[in-house]
Protein backbone atom coordinates (compact mmCIF):
# COMPACT_ATOMS: atom_id res chain seq x y z
CA MET A 1 57.90 148.03 -45.28
CA ARG A 2 57.91 143.98 -45.79
CA PRO A 3 56.19 142.41 -48.81
CA GLY A 4 52.56 141.51 -48.16
CA TRP A 5 51.83 144.54 -46.05
CA VAL A 6 49.41 147.19 -47.28
CA VAL A 7 48.83 150.83 -46.42
CA LYS A 8 45.53 152.34 -45.49
CA PRO A 9 44.13 155.68 -44.22
CA ILE A 10 42.69 155.48 -40.92
CA GLY A 11 39.20 156.65 -42.40
CA GLN A 12 38.98 153.14 -44.09
CA ILE A 13 39.69 150.86 -41.10
CA ALA A 14 38.44 152.82 -38.10
CA ASP A 15 35.58 155.24 -37.13
CA ALA A 16 36.59 158.39 -35.68
CA CYS A 17 34.89 161.03 -33.51
CA LEU A 18 35.82 164.24 -31.79
CA GLY A 19 34.15 164.48 -27.98
CA LYS A 20 31.69 167.37 -26.72
CA MET A 21 32.44 171.13 -26.84
CA LEU A 22 32.64 172.33 -23.27
CA ASP A 23 30.11 175.22 -23.07
CA LYS A 24 28.79 175.78 -19.56
CA ASN A 25 25.97 178.11 -20.85
CA LYS A 26 24.92 175.73 -23.55
CA ASN A 27 25.78 172.29 -22.09
CA LYS A 28 22.43 170.38 -20.54
CA GLY A 29 22.08 167.31 -18.66
CA THR A 30 23.72 165.33 -15.69
CA PRO A 31 27.45 166.31 -14.72
CA ARG A 32 29.70 163.43 -15.73
CA PRO A 33 33.34 162.69 -15.52
CA TYR A 34 35.19 163.28 -18.91
CA LEU A 35 38.69 163.08 -20.17
CA ARG A 36 40.75 166.21 -21.42
CA ASN A 37 43.66 166.10 -23.56
CA LEU A 38 45.72 166.52 -20.07
CA ASN A 39 44.50 163.40 -18.95
CA VAL A 40 45.77 161.40 -22.05
CA ARG A 41 49.37 160.21 -21.73
CA TRP A 42 51.26 157.84 -23.97
CA PHE A 43 50.00 154.55 -23.33
CA ASN A 44 47.93 155.44 -20.27
CA PHE A 45 45.72 158.04 -18.59
CA ASP A 46 46.27 160.32 -15.66
CA LEU A 47 43.07 160.15 -13.76
CA SER A 48 44.31 162.44 -10.86
CA ASP A 49 42.47 165.56 -11.88
CA VAL A 50 39.15 164.56 -13.73
CA LEU A 51 36.80 167.22 -14.39
CA GLU A 52 32.91 166.90 -14.94
CA MET A 53 30.71 168.39 -17.86
CA ARG A 54 27.19 168.12 -18.29
CA PHE A 55 25.95 165.31 -20.60
CA GLU A 56 22.43 164.35 -22.01
CA ASP A 57 21.42 160.80 -21.90
CA ASP A 58 21.16 160.59 -25.62
CA GLU A 59 24.57 161.93 -25.93
CA ARG A 60 26.03 158.82 -24.06
CA GLU A 61 26.95 156.54 -27.14
CA ARG A 62 28.43 159.51 -29.08
CA TYR A 63 30.49 160.92 -26.43
CA THR A 64 31.83 157.93 -24.59
CA ALA A 65 34.94 155.72 -25.06
CA ARG A 66 34.62 152.04 -24.18
CA LYS A 67 37.30 149.31 -23.56
CA GLY A 68 39.56 148.97 -26.30
CA ASP A 69 38.88 152.59 -27.88
CA LEU A 70 41.95 154.54 -29.02
CA LEU A 71 42.00 158.22 -27.60
CA ILE A 72 44.15 160.62 -29.49
CA CYS A 73 45.03 164.21 -28.32
CA GLU A 74 43.66 166.60 -31.06
CA GLY A 75 45.37 169.46 -29.51
CA GLY A 76 47.71 170.22 -26.62
CA TYR A 77 49.88 167.46 -27.50
CA PRO A 78 48.77 166.55 -30.88
CA GLY A 79 49.02 162.76 -31.45
CA ARG A 80 49.61 161.63 -27.85
CA ALA A 81 47.40 158.62 -27.38
CA ALA A 82 46.34 155.80 -25.18
CA ILE A 83 43.75 152.89 -25.25
CA TRP A 84 40.89 152.92 -22.82
CA GLU A 85 41.08 149.45 -20.91
CA ASP A 86 38.55 149.96 -18.19
CA ASP A 87 35.23 148.12 -18.35
CA LYS A 88 33.48 151.18 -17.54
CA PRO A 89 33.15 153.72 -20.33
CA ILE A 90 34.19 157.41 -20.06
CA TYR A 91 33.16 160.69 -21.63
CA PHE A 92 35.53 162.76 -23.68
CA GLN A 93 35.79 166.43 -24.40
CA LYS A 94 36.17 167.96 -28.00
CA ALA A 95 39.88 168.06 -27.70
CA ILE A 96 40.23 164.28 -28.04
CA HIS A 97 39.44 162.04 -31.04
CA ARG A 98 37.77 158.45 -30.14
CA VAL A 99 38.98 156.03 -32.74
CA ARG A 100 37.05 152.75 -32.76
CA PHE A 101 38.77 150.11 -35.25
CA HIS A 102 36.68 147.79 -37.23
CA GLU A 103 39.29 145.14 -36.27
CA PRO A 104 39.88 146.09 -32.59
CA GLU A 105 43.32 144.43 -32.33
CA ARG A 106 44.56 147.17 -34.81
CA ALA A 107 44.27 149.72 -31.94
CA LYS A 108 47.41 148.67 -30.30
CA TRP A 109 49.41 148.59 -33.43
CA PHE A 110 48.38 152.06 -34.46
CA LEU A 111 49.20 153.35 -31.21
CA TYR A 112 52.84 152.21 -31.62
CA TYR A 113 52.86 153.53 -34.92
CA LEU A 114 51.67 156.84 -33.73
CA LEU A 115 54.55 157.02 -31.14
CA TYR A 116 56.96 155.92 -33.73
CA CYS A 117 55.92 158.88 -35.91
CA ASP A 118 56.15 161.15 -32.95
CA ILE A 119 59.62 160.39 -32.13
CA GLY A 120 60.70 160.42 -35.57
CA GLY A 121 58.98 163.84 -36.19
CA SER A 122 56.90 162.87 -39.33
CA LEU A 123 53.70 163.43 -37.12
CA ARG A 124 54.17 167.00 -37.16
CA SER A 125 53.42 167.25 -41.04
CA HIS A 126 49.77 166.20 -40.12
CA PHE A 127 49.23 169.03 -37.91
CA THR A 128 47.49 172.39 -38.88
CA GLY A 129 48.06 175.83 -37.12
CA ALA A 130 51.48 177.82 -37.11
CA GLY A 131 51.19 178.39 -33.21
CA ILE A 132 48.91 176.08 -31.39
CA GLN A 133 48.77 173.14 -33.62
CA HIS A 134 45.95 170.71 -34.22
CA PHE A 135 45.61 167.12 -35.12
CA THR A 136 42.36 167.68 -37.02
CA GLY A 137 39.74 164.85 -37.62
CA GLU A 138 40.21 165.36 -41.54
CA ALA A 139 43.82 164.71 -41.02
CA LEU A 140 43.29 161.78 -38.88
CA LYS A 141 41.12 160.27 -41.46
CA ARG A 142 43.77 160.68 -44.18
CA PHE A 143 46.44 159.53 -41.85
CA ARG A 144 47.97 156.51 -43.49
CA VAL A 145 49.32 153.46 -41.70
CA PRO A 146 51.04 150.21 -42.70
CA LEU A 147 49.33 146.99 -41.97
CA PRO A 148 50.85 143.53 -41.65
CA SER A 149 48.60 140.47 -41.76
CA PRO A 150 46.89 140.03 -38.36
CA PRO A 151 49.22 136.92 -37.40
CA GLU A 152 52.31 139.10 -38.18
CA GLN A 153 50.86 142.14 -36.46
CA GLN A 154 49.99 139.95 -33.36
CA ARG A 155 53.57 138.74 -33.30
CA ILE A 156 55.35 142.15 -33.77
CA VAL A 157 52.97 143.79 -30.94
CA ALA A 158 53.65 141.09 -28.47
CA ILE A 159 57.46 141.69 -29.04
CA LEU A 160 56.63 145.43 -28.53
CA ASP A 161 54.67 144.82 -25.74
CA GLU A 162 57.58 142.95 -23.91
CA ALA A 163 60.20 145.36 -25.01
CA PHE A 164 58.38 148.42 -23.81
CA ALA A 165 57.66 147.06 -20.40
CA GLY A 166 61.52 145.94 -19.92
CA LEU A 167 62.47 149.59 -21.09
CA ALA A 168 59.91 151.06 -18.80
CA THR A 169 61.69 149.05 -15.86
CA ALA A 170 65.15 149.67 -16.89
CA ILE A 171 64.27 153.52 -17.18
CA ALA A 172 62.73 153.64 -13.88
CA ASN A 173 65.56 151.91 -12.28
CA VAL A 174 68.01 154.63 -13.73
CA GLU A 175 65.78 157.39 -12.96
CA GLN A 176 65.89 156.12 -9.35
CA ASN A 177 69.49 155.82 -9.29
CA LEU A 178 69.70 159.31 -10.44
CA LYS A 179 67.36 160.46 -7.87
CA ASN A 180 69.29 158.70 -5.03
CA ALA A 181 72.56 160.43 -6.41
CA ARG A 182 70.72 163.99 -5.90
CA ASP A 183 69.50 162.76 -2.60
CA LEU A 184 72.99 161.89 -1.46
CA PHE A 185 74.30 165.37 -2.46
CA ASP A 186 71.35 166.81 -0.71
CA SER A 187 72.22 164.74 2.48
CA TYR A 188 75.94 165.63 2.15
CA LEU A 189 74.94 169.61 2.12
CA HIS A 190 72.88 169.17 5.22
CA SER A 191 75.28 167.28 7.19
CA ALA A 192 77.95 169.73 6.22
CA PHE A 193 76.32 172.61 8.09
CA THR A 194 75.23 170.67 11.23
CA HIS A 195 78.71 169.80 12.10
CA LYS A 196 79.57 171.31 15.65
CA GLY A 197 83.06 171.32 16.05
CA GLU A 198 85.84 173.40 17.76
CA GLY A 199 86.02 176.79 15.91
CA TRP A 200 82.73 176.64 14.35
CA VAL A 201 80.22 179.66 14.98
CA GLU A 202 76.71 180.21 14.41
CA ARG A 203 75.62 183.52 12.43
CA ALA A 204 72.40 184.93 10.88
CA ILE A 205 72.70 185.27 7.32
CA GLY A 206 71.77 189.04 7.89
CA GLU A 207 74.75 189.42 10.07
CA ILE A 208 77.39 188.26 7.61
CA CYS A 209 75.91 189.11 4.37
CA GLU A 210 74.14 192.04 2.75
CA LEU A 211 70.77 191.29 0.78
CA GLN A 212 70.30 192.98 -2.46
CA SER A 213 67.34 192.82 -4.75
CA GLY A 214 68.05 193.33 -8.39
CA THR A 215 66.75 196.44 -10.39
CA THR A 216 64.31 197.54 -13.00
CA VAL A 217 66.13 198.81 -16.25
CA ASP A 218 64.91 200.70 -19.17
CA LYS A 219 64.53 198.25 -22.14
CA ARG A 220 66.01 200.98 -24.28
CA LEU A 221 69.40 200.63 -22.44
CA GLU A 222 69.87 196.91 -23.38
CA ARG A 223 72.64 195.82 -25.63
CA PRO A 224 73.62 192.89 -27.47
CA THR A 225 77.17 193.41 -26.16
CA GLY A 226 78.36 195.71 -23.35
CA ASP A 227 80.00 196.07 -19.97
CA VAL A 228 77.74 194.05 -17.56
CA PRO A 229 75.45 191.32 -18.29
CA TYR A 230 71.93 191.83 -17.42
CA LEU A 231 70.18 188.78 -15.91
CA LYS A 232 66.69 187.87 -15.82
CA VAL A 233 65.19 184.91 -14.28
CA ALA A 234 64.65 183.14 -17.65
CA ASP A 235 68.50 183.32 -18.26
CA MET A 236 68.89 181.20 -15.08
CA THR A 237 68.64 177.96 -17.04
CA PHE A 238 69.20 174.64 -15.17
CA ALA A 239 72.58 173.21 -15.85
CA GLY A 240 73.47 171.67 -12.32
CA ASN A 241 73.47 172.84 -8.74
CA ALA A 242 76.57 174.89 -8.91
CA GLU A 243 76.34 176.54 -12.36
CA ARG A 244 78.00 179.98 -12.36
CA ILE A 245 76.56 183.01 -14.15
CA LEU A 246 79.10 183.43 -16.93
CA THR A 247 77.18 185.61 -19.64
CA SER A 248 73.62 186.61 -20.85
CA SER A 249 71.90 187.39 -23.89
CA ARG A 250 71.61 191.14 -22.95
CA PHE A 251 74.20 193.82 -21.65
CA LEU A 252 74.31 196.89 -19.87
CA ASN A 253 77.19 199.74 -20.33
CA ARG A 254 78.24 200.87 -16.75
CA ALA A 255 77.64 204.63 -17.85
CA ASP A 256 73.91 203.76 -17.95
CA ILE A 257 73.64 202.12 -14.29
CA LYS A 258 74.02 203.03 -10.83
CA ALA A 259 77.23 201.24 -9.47
CA ALA A 260 75.00 200.00 -6.65
CA SER A 261 73.09 198.02 -9.09
CA VAL A 262 75.95 195.87 -10.03
CA LEU A 263 76.27 192.45 -7.99
CA PRO A 264 79.83 191.46 -7.76
CA ILE A 265 81.78 188.29 -8.17
CA GLY A 266 80.79 185.77 -5.69
CA THR A 267 77.18 186.97 -5.39
CA THR A 268 74.62 184.04 -4.70
CA ILE A 269 71.34 184.77 -6.55
CA PHE A 270 68.09 183.19 -6.93
CA PRO A 271 64.42 184.01 -8.11
CA LYS A 272 62.73 185.99 -5.49
CA ARG A 273 59.17 186.48 -6.86
CA GLY A 274 56.36 184.43 -8.51
CA GLY A 275 56.32 180.90 -10.01
CA ALA A 276 60.15 181.15 -10.52
CA ILE A 277 60.53 180.51 -6.69
CA ALA A 278 59.26 176.86 -7.45
CA THR A 279 62.44 176.22 -9.70
CA ASN A 280 64.57 176.45 -6.45
CA LYS A 281 67.53 177.79 -8.61
CA LYS A 282 70.54 179.19 -7.25
CA ARG A 283 73.53 180.46 -9.00
CA LEU A 284 77.00 182.01 -8.04
CA THR A 285 78.19 184.75 -10.23
CA ALA A 286 81.53 184.44 -11.83
CA VAL A 287 81.56 188.11 -13.35
CA PRO A 288 79.96 191.19 -11.99
CA ILE A 289 76.06 191.32 -13.26
CA CYS A 290 73.24 193.64 -13.04
CA ALA A 291 70.17 191.42 -12.10
CA ASP A 292 66.43 191.81 -12.96
CA LEU A 293 64.20 192.94 -10.09
CA ASN A 294 62.79 189.49 -9.72
CA ILE A 295 66.34 188.25 -8.37
CA MET A 296 67.67 188.54 -4.95
CA GLY A 297 71.48 188.61 -4.22
CA VAL A 298 73.32 187.69 -1.13
CA LEU A 299 76.68 189.39 -1.08
CA PRO A 300 79.05 187.75 1.64
CA SER A 301 81.18 189.88 4.03
CA THR A 302 84.89 189.10 4.53
CA ALA A 303 83.69 186.90 7.55
CA ILE A 304 82.68 184.12 5.21
CA LEU A 305 83.74 182.72 1.73
CA PRO A 306 81.39 183.34 -1.02
CA GLU A 307 81.68 179.52 -1.98
CA LEU A 308 80.52 178.64 1.47
CA VAL A 309 77.51 180.97 1.40
CA PHE A 310 76.32 179.40 -1.99
CA MET A 311 76.85 175.97 -0.65
CA TYR A 312 74.65 176.84 2.22
CA PHE A 313 71.92 178.24 -0.02
CA LEU A 314 72.19 175.01 -2.05
CA SER A 315 70.70 173.33 1.17
CA VAL A 316 67.86 175.67 1.63
CA ASP A 317 64.51 175.00 -0.04
CA MET A 318 63.31 178.60 -1.22
CA ARG A 319 59.99 177.24 -1.92
CA GLU A 320 59.61 177.25 1.91
CA LEU A 321 60.44 181.05 2.16
CA GLY A 322 58.15 182.12 -0.52
CA SER A 323 55.10 184.31 0.91
CA GLY A 324 52.13 186.11 -0.41
CA SER A 325 48.61 184.83 -0.90
CA SER A 326 48.50 185.00 -4.82
CA ILE A 327 51.96 185.61 -5.91
CA PRO A 328 54.75 184.11 -3.60
CA GLN A 329 57.71 186.31 -2.81
CA ILE A 330 60.82 185.99 -0.79
CA ASN A 331 61.95 189.18 0.98
CA ASN A 332 64.73 190.35 3.02
CA TYR A 333 63.13 189.63 6.26
CA ASP A 334 62.72 185.94 5.08
CA VAL A 335 66.40 185.39 4.27
CA ALA A 336 67.98 187.57 6.92
CA PRO A 337 67.14 185.61 10.02
CA LEU A 338 68.41 182.18 8.38
CA LYS A 339 71.02 180.55 10.56
CA ILE A 340 74.37 179.31 9.33
CA HIS A 341 76.76 177.12 11.19
CA PHE A 342 80.34 177.44 9.70
CA PRO A 343 84.02 177.31 10.79
CA GLU A 344 85.26 180.58 11.78
CA ALA A 345 88.78 180.23 10.26
CA ASN A 346 89.37 181.22 6.80
CA ILE A 347 91.77 177.86 6.30
CA ALA A 348 88.78 175.72 7.44
CA GLN A 349 86.49 177.28 5.42
CA LYS A 350 88.73 176.65 2.31
CA LYS A 351 89.05 173.21 3.36
CA LEU A 352 85.17 172.74 3.39
CA VAL A 353 84.74 174.40 0.12
CA HIS A 354 87.18 172.16 -1.38
CA GLU A 355 85.46 169.01 -0.07
CA PHE A 356 82.22 170.04 -1.16
CA GLU A 357 83.51 170.70 -4.88
CA GLU A 358 85.19 167.33 -4.96
CA TYR A 359 82.06 165.61 -3.72
CA GLN A 360 79.98 167.68 -6.21
CA THR A 361 82.05 166.85 -9.03
CA ALA A 362 81.62 162.99 -8.26
CA ILE A 363 78.05 163.38 -7.94
CA LYS A 364 77.85 165.38 -11.11
CA GLY A 365 79.99 162.50 -12.95
CA LEU A 366 77.38 159.95 -11.52
CA GLU A 367 74.42 162.11 -12.76
CA GLU A 368 75.93 162.30 -16.10
CA VAL A 369 76.70 158.59 -16.53
CA TYR A 370 72.73 157.98 -15.52
CA ARG A 371 71.64 160.71 -17.83
CA GLN A 372 73.72 158.80 -20.65
CA LYS A 373 71.96 155.66 -20.06
CA ILE A 374 68.55 157.25 -19.96
CA SER A 375 69.44 158.83 -23.36
CA ARG A 376 70.69 155.37 -24.61
CA LEU A 377 67.37 153.64 -23.64
CA ALA A 378 65.43 156.36 -25.45
CA GLU A 379 67.51 155.79 -28.55
CA PHE A 380 67.05 151.94 -28.27
CA LYS A 381 63.32 152.59 -27.91
CA ARG A 382 63.36 154.53 -31.15
CA SER A 383 65.49 151.86 -33.02
CA ILE A 384 63.08 149.19 -31.88
CA LEU A 385 59.94 151.01 -33.38
CA GLU A 386 61.95 151.55 -36.52
CA LYS A 387 62.53 148.12 -36.91
CA ALA A 388 58.80 146.99 -35.98
CA PHE A 389 57.31 148.98 -38.79
CA SER A 390 60.11 148.19 -41.47
CA GLY A 391 59.23 144.41 -40.62
CA GLU A 392 62.64 143.70 -39.28
CA LEU A 393 61.73 143.07 -35.65
CA THR A 394 62.16 139.10 -35.47
CA SER A 395 62.83 138.19 -31.87
CA PRO A 396 62.39 139.10 -28.00
CA LEU A 397 64.86 142.02 -27.27
CA SER A 398 65.28 141.41 -23.11
CA GLN A 399 68.92 140.81 -23.31
CA ALA A 400 69.57 143.69 -25.70
CA ILE A 401 67.47 145.93 -23.34
CA LYS A 402 69.60 144.75 -20.33
CA GLU A 403 72.83 145.59 -22.25
CA ALA A 404 71.69 149.10 -23.04
CA ALA A 405 70.86 149.84 -19.40
CA GLU A 406 74.39 148.68 -18.15
């Protein structure tokens, strides 16, 4: 911290207030739109899902935020904050602090400082609760913030505003490039199975593959080591479209399970029940596994290569197959009729798989480059904030941001 700066608790430079408790049995008055902590994002608000609560007329001043007020999450994501910039006041719930600074220009400075503490991890030390954490009103009032002189603060905030706007644009561009790479891969998969050349045939998945759901295993049979990995949906962590199942955190001994319960190498698997269908995960087994009941396996016959079946399922949106009024579920009769168009000759299948693997390697290389750029930009954001609150931020950073994005 530079000489001339002071450190003060929020309770000395602002008035803080929690919003109104939601209680349908006790709340009276007129239904009004109000903010929950889900609506508060970093630096902005998501107003796509705003609920209503009853407020009485004499509660308006206490439970509304007006233009320039800082709103901070008390729970959910404690400390996440944004400044209300709308001319029209908004009501807010008890899960949110409204902070009204004696000097309104301090709000933006403190917002950046909260983000700095959040990224650095020090903000957590102000929370209470072992499981669900809260940023209580007392903790907020005691929270200490470094304060430069008003002109110095204005200068630094102006640099941060310009830098963060540039970073947002740079990150959005890189994320769009990442999406384009994934879209390019999806387009390639789609075109690969719409080719209609000599020697190609069309078959239903049920004609050339066996569909087998996983099984329920007595938890007492699970082992930290064993003959066969026992896979649950939670083990299918995302690590790229073609991730192969190599191991698991739980195992079974072959003597404890039926042979028919084991899915062989080369089985395409995916979640078949509940919300996990929305993840659209697919994996190709590299070792024999036993799968949980919520997983479906597709075992190819000798008519088609396992890699080609897996490649085909990467082009299928499983979310469109899930049925069920309350709990989505993919059944055999959803999968069996799916039509796959592929070359009948084994050598032609191998060529197609080889092209797929080369293309996928190239796309994954591009994705890694873009992910590294996003990581560099995130690290650059952290370093900018560190310089800002140590008093070392002296000049605009547009050129440095451009270099970090390249």
